[in-house]
Amino acid sequence: MNDYQTKEVLLGQLSSWWTQNGWRLETLKAKSVPELLGIRNRANAQRYNVSSHRRRA
């Protein structure tokens, strides 16, 4: 997969979580692939640790 495809997949995985947190999709789409990977790691960690308070980006 090239970067564009990777980014599309990541956006697909993250968009619902991102908007649930009240953030704008344009912000997510503007991020680079490494940033998106980091966000995905944080999203996964947050899913497993529900008791943690929600942090603003």
PDB file of N, CA and C in Angstrom:
ATOM      1  N   MET A   1       0.837  -1.201   0.000  1.00  0.00           N
ATOM      2  CA  MET A   1       0.000   0.000   0.000  1.00  0.00           C
ATOM      3  C   MET A   1       0.871   1.249   0.000  1.00  0.00           C
ATOM      4  N   ASN A   2       0.463   2.218  -0.791  1.00  0.00           N
ATOM      5  CA  ASN A   2       1.191   3.479  -0.755  1.00  0.00           C
ATOM      6  C   ASN A   2       0.643   4.368   0.363  1.00  0.00           C
ATOM      7  N   ASP A   3       1.268   5.527   0.554  1.00  0.00           N
ATOM      8  CA  ASP A   3       0.879   6.411   1.648  1.00  0.00           C
ATOM      9  C   ASP A   3      -0.566   6.868   1.541  1.00  0.00           C
ATOM     10  N   TYR A   4      -1.000   7.131   0.302  1.00  0.00           N
ATOM     11  CA  TYR A   4      -2.369   7.601   0.112  1.00  0.00           C
ATOM     12  C   TYR A   4      -3.372   6.537   0.561  1.00  0.00           C
ATOM     13  N   GLN A   5      -3.126   5.297   0.157  1.00  0.00           N
ATOM     14  CA  GLN A   5      -4.030   4.194   0.546  1.00  0.00           C
ATOM     15  C   GLN A   5      -3.998   3.977   2.059  1.00  0.00           C
ATOM     16  N   THR A   6      -2.798   4.018   2.623  1.00  0.00           N
ATOM     17  CA  THR A   6      -2.650   3.858   4.069  1.00  0.00           C
ATOM     18  C   THR A   6      -3.446   4.932   4.795  1.00  0.00           C
ATOM     19  N   LYS A   7      -3.327   6.161   4.302  1.00  0.00           N
ATOM     20  CA  LYS A   7      -4.027   7.281   4.937  1.00  0.00           C
ATOM     21  C   LYS A   7      -5.538   7.093   4.839  1.00  0.00           C
ATOM     22  N   GLU A   8      -6.020   6.643   3.681  1.00  0.00           N
ATOM     23  CA  GLU A   8      -7.458   6.417   3.517  1.00  0.00           C
ATOM     24  C   GLU A   8      -7.975   5.370   4.501  1.00  0.00           C
ATOM     25  N   VAL A   9      -7.204   4.296   4.672  1.00  0.00           N
ATOM     26  CA  VAL A   9      -7.595   3.233   5.606  1.00  0.00           C
ATOM     27  C   VAL A   9      -7.636   3.775   7.031  1.00  0.00           C
ATOM     28  N   LEU A  10      -6.597   4.526   7.406  1.00  0.00           N
ATOM     29  CA  LEU A  10      -6.534   5.087   8.755  1.00  0.00           C
ATOM     30  C   LEU A  10      -7.678   6.070   9.004  1.00  0.00           C
ATOM     31  N   LEU A  11      -7.977   6.895   7.992  1.00  0.00           N
ATOM     32  CA  LEU A  11      -9.077   7.844   8.135  1.00  0.00           C
ATOM     33  C   LEU A  11     -10.392   7.101   8.342  1.00  0.00           C
ATOM     34  N   GLY A  12     -10.559   6.008   7.614  1.00  0.00           N
ATOM     35  CA  GLY A  12     -11.760   5.199   7.756  1.00  0.00           C
ATOM     36  C   GLY A  12     -11.886   4.620   9.157  1.00  0.00           C
ATOM     37  N   GLN A  13     -10.761   4.164   9.696  1.00  0.00           N
ATOM     38  CA  GLN A  13     -10.763   3.551  11.025  1.00  0.00           C
ATOM     39  C   GLN A  13     -10.993   4.591  12.119  1.00  0.00           C
ATOM     40  N   LEU A  14     -10.469   5.795  11.907  1.00  0.00           N
ATOM     41  CA  LEU A  14     -10.450   6.782  12.983  1.00  0.00           C
ATOM     42  C   LEU A  14     -11.583   7.790  12.956  1.00  0.00           C
ATOM     43  N   SER A  15     -12.239   7.951  11.806  1.00  0.00           N
ATOM     44  CA  SER A  15     -13.170   9.075  11.671  1.00  0.00           C
ATOM     45  C   SER A  15     -14.307   9.045  12.687  1.00  0.00           C
ATOM     46  N   SER A  16     -14.886   7.870  12.957  1.00  0.00           N
ATOM     47  CA  SER A  16     -16.009   7.840  13.902  1.00  0.00           C
ATOM     48  C   SER A  16     -15.534   8.134  15.323  1.00  0.00           C
ATOM     49  N   TRP A  17     -14.381   7.565  15.705  1.00  0.00           N
ATOM     50  CA  TRP A  17     -13.823   7.848  17.037  1.00  0.00           C
ATOM     51  C   TRP A  17     -13.509   9.337  17.176  1.00  0.00           C
ATOM     52  N   TRP A  18     -12.915   9.897  16.118  1.00  0.00           N
ATOM     53  CA  TRP A  18     -12.516  11.309  16.109  1.00  0.00           C
ATOM     54  C   TRP A  18     -13.716  12.216  16.308  1.00  0.00           C
ATOM     55  N   THR A  19     -14.794  11.968  15.560  1.00  0.00           N
ATOM     56  CA  THR A  19     -15.966  12.830  15.659  1.00  0.00           C
ATOM     57  C   THR A  19     -16.709  12.609  16.978  1.00  0.00           C
ATOM     58  N   GLN A  20     -16.660  11.402  17.530  1.00  0.00           N
ATOM     59  CA  GLN A  20     -17.269  11.147  18.838  1.00  0.00           C
ATOM     60  C   GLN A  20     -16.611  12.002  19.916  1.00  0.00           C
ATOM     61  N   ASN A  21     -15.342  12.294  19.727  1.00  0.00           N
ATOM     62  CA  ASN A  21     -14.620  13.128  20.686  1.00  0.00           C
ATOM     63  C   ASN A  21     -14.860  14.614  20.439  1.00  0.00           C
ATOM     64  N   GLY A  22     -15.644  14.914  19.424  1.00  0.00           N
ATOM     65  CA  GLY A  22     -16.016  16.303  19.168  1.00  0.00           C
ATOM     66  C   GLY A  22     -15.016  17.071  18.316  1.00  0.00           C
ATOM     67  N   TRP A  23     -14.126  16.345  17.643  1.00  0.00           N
ATOM     68  CA  TRP A  23     -13.131  17.013  16.803  1.00  0.00           C
ATOM     69  C   TRP A  23     -13.583  17.033  15.356  1.00  0.00           C
ATOM     70  N   ARG A  24     -13.054  17.981  14.596  1.00  0.00           N
ATOM     71  CA  ARG A  24     -13.461  18.153  13.200  1.00  0.00           C
ATOM     72  C   ARG A  24     -12.674  17.232  12.267  1.00  0.00           C
ATOM     73  N   LEU A  25     -13.390  16.658  11.293  1.00  0.00           N
ATOM     74  CA  LEU A  25     -12.749  15.735  10.353  1.00  0.00           C
ATOM     75  C   LEU A  25     -11.673  16.403   9.510  1.00  0.00           C
ATOM     76  N   GLU A  26     -11.844  17.697   9.210  1.00  0.00           N
ATOM     77  CA  GLU A  26     -10.813  18.391   8.417  1.00  0.00           C
ATOM     78  C   GLU A  26      -9.460  18.331   9.126  1.00  0.00           C
ATOM     79  N   THR A  27      -9.509  18.428  10.449  1.00  0.00           N
ATOM     80  CA  THR A  27      -8.281  18.375  11.254  1.00  0.00           C
ATOM     81  C   THR A  27      -7.612  17.018  11.093  1.00  0.00           C
ATOM     82  N   LEU A  28      -8.424  15.966  11.124  1.00  0.00           N
ATOM     83  CA  LEU A  28      -7.896  14.604  10.998  1.00  0.00           C
ATOM     84  C   LEU A  28      -7.298  14.396   9.605  1.00  0.00           C
ATOM     85  N   LYS A  29      -8.004  14.872   8.585  1.00  0.00           N
ATOM     86  CA  LYS A  29      -7.557  14.671   7.201  1.00  0.00           C
ATOM     87  C   LYS A  29      -6.276  15.422   6.903  1.00  0.00           C
ATOM     88  N   ALA A  30      -5.999  16.487   7.661  1.00  0.00           N
ATOM     89  CA  ALA A  30      -4.801  17.300   7.428  1.00  0.00           C
ATOM     90  C   ALA A  30      -3.546  16.646   8.006  1.00  0.00           C
ATOM     91  N   LYS A  31      -3.713  15.605   8.809  1.00  0.00           N
ATOM     92  CA  LYS A  31      -2.567  14.998   9.477  1.00  0.00           C
ATOM     93  C   LYS A  31      -1.809  14.042   8.558  1.00  0.00           C
ATOM     94  N   SER A  32      -0.528  13.842   8.868  1.00  0.00           N
ATOM     95  CA  SER A  32       0.316  12.934   8.088  1.00  0.00           C
ATOM     96  C   SER A  32       0.092  11.495   8.542  1.00  0.00           C
ATOM     97  N   VAL A  33       0.579  10.554   7.748  1.00  0.00           N
ATOM     98  CA  VAL A  33       0.416   9.136   8.078  1.00  0.00           C
ATOM     99  C   VAL A  33       1.030   8.790   9.443  1.00  0.00           C
ATOM    100  N   PRO A  34       2.262   9.215   9.747  1.00  0.00           N
ATOM    101  CA  PRO A  34       2.818   8.901  11.081  1.00  0.00           C
ATOM    102  C   PRO A  34       1.962   9.460  12.215  1.00  0.00           C
ATOM    103  N   GLU A  35       1.411  10.667  12.024  1.00  0.00           N
ATOM    104  CA  GLU A  35       0.531  11.246  13.045  1.00  0.00           C
ATOM    105  C   GLU A  35      -0.718  10.392  13.211  1.00  0.00           C
ATOM    106  N   LEU A  36      -1.275   9.944  12.082  1.00  0.00           N
ATOM    107  CA  LEU A  36      -2.488   9.119  12.127  1.00  0.00           C
ATOM    108  C   LEU A  36      -2.228   7.793  12.826  1.00  0.00           C
ATOM    109  N   LEU A  37      -1.051   7.219  12.606  1.00  0.00           N
ATOM    110  CA  LEU A  37      -0.697   5.966  13.287  1.00  0.00           C
ATOM    111  C   LEU A  37      -0.634   6.192  14.795  1.00  0.00           C
ATOM    112  N   GLY A  38      -0.069   7.317  15.198  1.00  0.00           N
ATOM    113  CA  GLY A  38       0.007   7.650  16.612  1.00  0.00           C
ATOM    114  C   GLY A  38      -1.378   7.841  17.207  1.00  0.00           C
ATOM    115  N   ILE A  39      -2.258   8.500  16.451  1.00  0.00           N
ATOM    116  CA  ILE A  39      -3.632   8.716  16.913  1.00  0.00           C
ATOM    117  C   ILE A  39      -4.349   7.381  17.048  1.00  0.00           C
ATOM    118  N   ARG A  40      -4.102   6.474  16.088  1.00  0.00           N
ATOM    119  CA  ARG A  40      -4.751   5.165  16.159  1.00  0.00           C
ATOM    120  C   ARG A  40      -4.297   4.410  17.405  1.00  0.00           C
ATOM    121  N   ASN A  41      -3.012   4.504  17.723  1.00  0.00           N
ATOM    122  CA  ASN A  41      -2.504   3.855  18.945  1.00  0.00           C
ATOM    123  C   ASN A  41      -3.184   4.430  20.175  1.00  0.00           C
ATOM    124  N   ARG A  42      -3.351   5.748  20.186  1.00  0.00           N
ATOM    125  CA  ARG A  42      -3.991   6.407  21.319  1.00  0.00           C
ATOM    126  C   ARG A  42      -5.470   6.022  21.405  1.00  0.00           C
ATOM    127  N   ALA A  43      -6.118   5.926  20.251  1.00  0.00           N
ATOM    128  CA  ALA A  43      -7.531   5.544  20.215  1.00  0.00           C
ATOM    129  C   ALA A  43      -7.712   4.125  20.744  1.00  0.00           C
ATOM    130  N   ASN A  44      -6.840   3.229  20.332  1.00  0.00           N
ATOM    131  CA  ASN A  44      -6.915   1.845  20.800  1.00  0.00           C
ATOM    132  C   ASN A  44      -6.689   1.777  22.300  1.00  0.00           C
ATOM    133  N   ALA A  45      -5.716   2.520  22.794  1.00  0.00           N
ATOM    134  CA  ALA A  45      -5.424   2.534  24.221  1.00  0.00           C
ATOM    135  C   ALA A  45      -6.625   3.076  24.990  1.00  0.00           C
ATOM    136  N   GLN A  46      -7.263   4.081  24.442  1.00  0.00           N
ATOM    137  CA  GLN A  46      -8.403   4.694  25.110  1.00  0.00           C
ATOM    138  C   GLN A  46      -9.591   3.734  25.155  1.00  0.00           C
ATOM    139  N   ARG A  47      -9.770   2.955  24.098  1.00  0.00           N
ATOM    140  CA  ARG A  47     -10.874   1.995  24.070  1.00  0.00           C
ATOM    141  C   ARG A  47     -10.725   0.967  25.188  1.00  0.00           C
ATOM    142  N   TYR A  48      -9.482   0.538  25.443  1.00  0.00           N
ATOM    143  CA  TYR A  48      -9.256  -0.486  26.454  1.00  0.00           C
ATOM    144  C   TYR A  48      -9.244   0.100  27.857  1.00  0.00           C
ATOM    145  N   ASN A  49      -8.999   1.383  27.951  1.00  0.00           N
ATOM    146  CA  ASN A  49      -8.920   2.035  29.257  1.00  0.00           C
ATOM    147  C   ASN A  49     -10.053   3.049  29.377  1.00  0.00           C
ATOM    148  N   VAL A  50     -11.257   2.534  29.505  1.00  0.00           N
ATOM    149  CA  VAL A  50     -12.440   3.381  29.469  1.00  0.00           C
ATOM    150  C   VAL A  50     -12.494   4.333  30.658  1.00  0.00           C
ATOM    151  N   SER A  51     -11.912   3.930  31.772  1.00  0.00           N
ATOM    152  CA  SER A  51     -11.996   4.741  32.983  1.00  0.00           C
ATOM    153  C   SER A  51     -11.181   6.028  32.874  1.00  0.00           C
ATOM    154  N   SER A  52     -10.227   6.088  31.951  1.00  0.00           N
ATOM    155  CA  SER A  52      -9.403   7.290  31.839  1.00  0.00           C
ATOM    156  C   SER A  52     -10.255   8.471  31.380  1.00  0.00           C
ATOM    157  N   HIS A  53      -9.982   9.629  31.925  1.00  0.00           N
ATOM    158  CA  HIS A  53     -10.752  10.803  31.534  1.00  0.00           C
ATOM    159  C   HIS A  53     -10.352  11.224  30.135  1.00  0.00           C
ATOM    160  N   ARG A  54     -11.283  11.804  29.404  1.00  0.00           N
ATOM    161  CA  ARG A  54     -11.025  12.187  28.018  1.00  0.00           C
ATOM    162  C   ARG A  54     -10.149  13.424  27.956  1.00  0.00           C
ATOM    163  N   ARG A  55      -9.075  13.322  27.210  1.00  0.00           N
ATOM    164  CA  ARG A  55      -8.162  14.448  27.030  1.00  0.00           C
ATOM    165  C   ARG A  55      -8.469  15.148  25.717  1.00  0.00           C
ATOM    166  N   ARG A  56      -8.355  16.450  25.715  1.00  0.00           N
ATOM    167  CA  ARG A  56      -8.504  17.209  24.475  1.00  0.00           C
ATOM    168  C   ARG A  56      -7.191  17.176  23.722  1.00  0.00           C
ATOM    169  N   ALA A  57      -7.254  17.114  22.405  1.00  0.00           N
ATOM    170  CA  ALA A  57      -6.028  17.082  21.592  1.00  0.00           C
ATOM    171  C   ALA A  57      -5.346  18.432  21.609  1.00  0.00           C
TER     172      ALA A  57
END
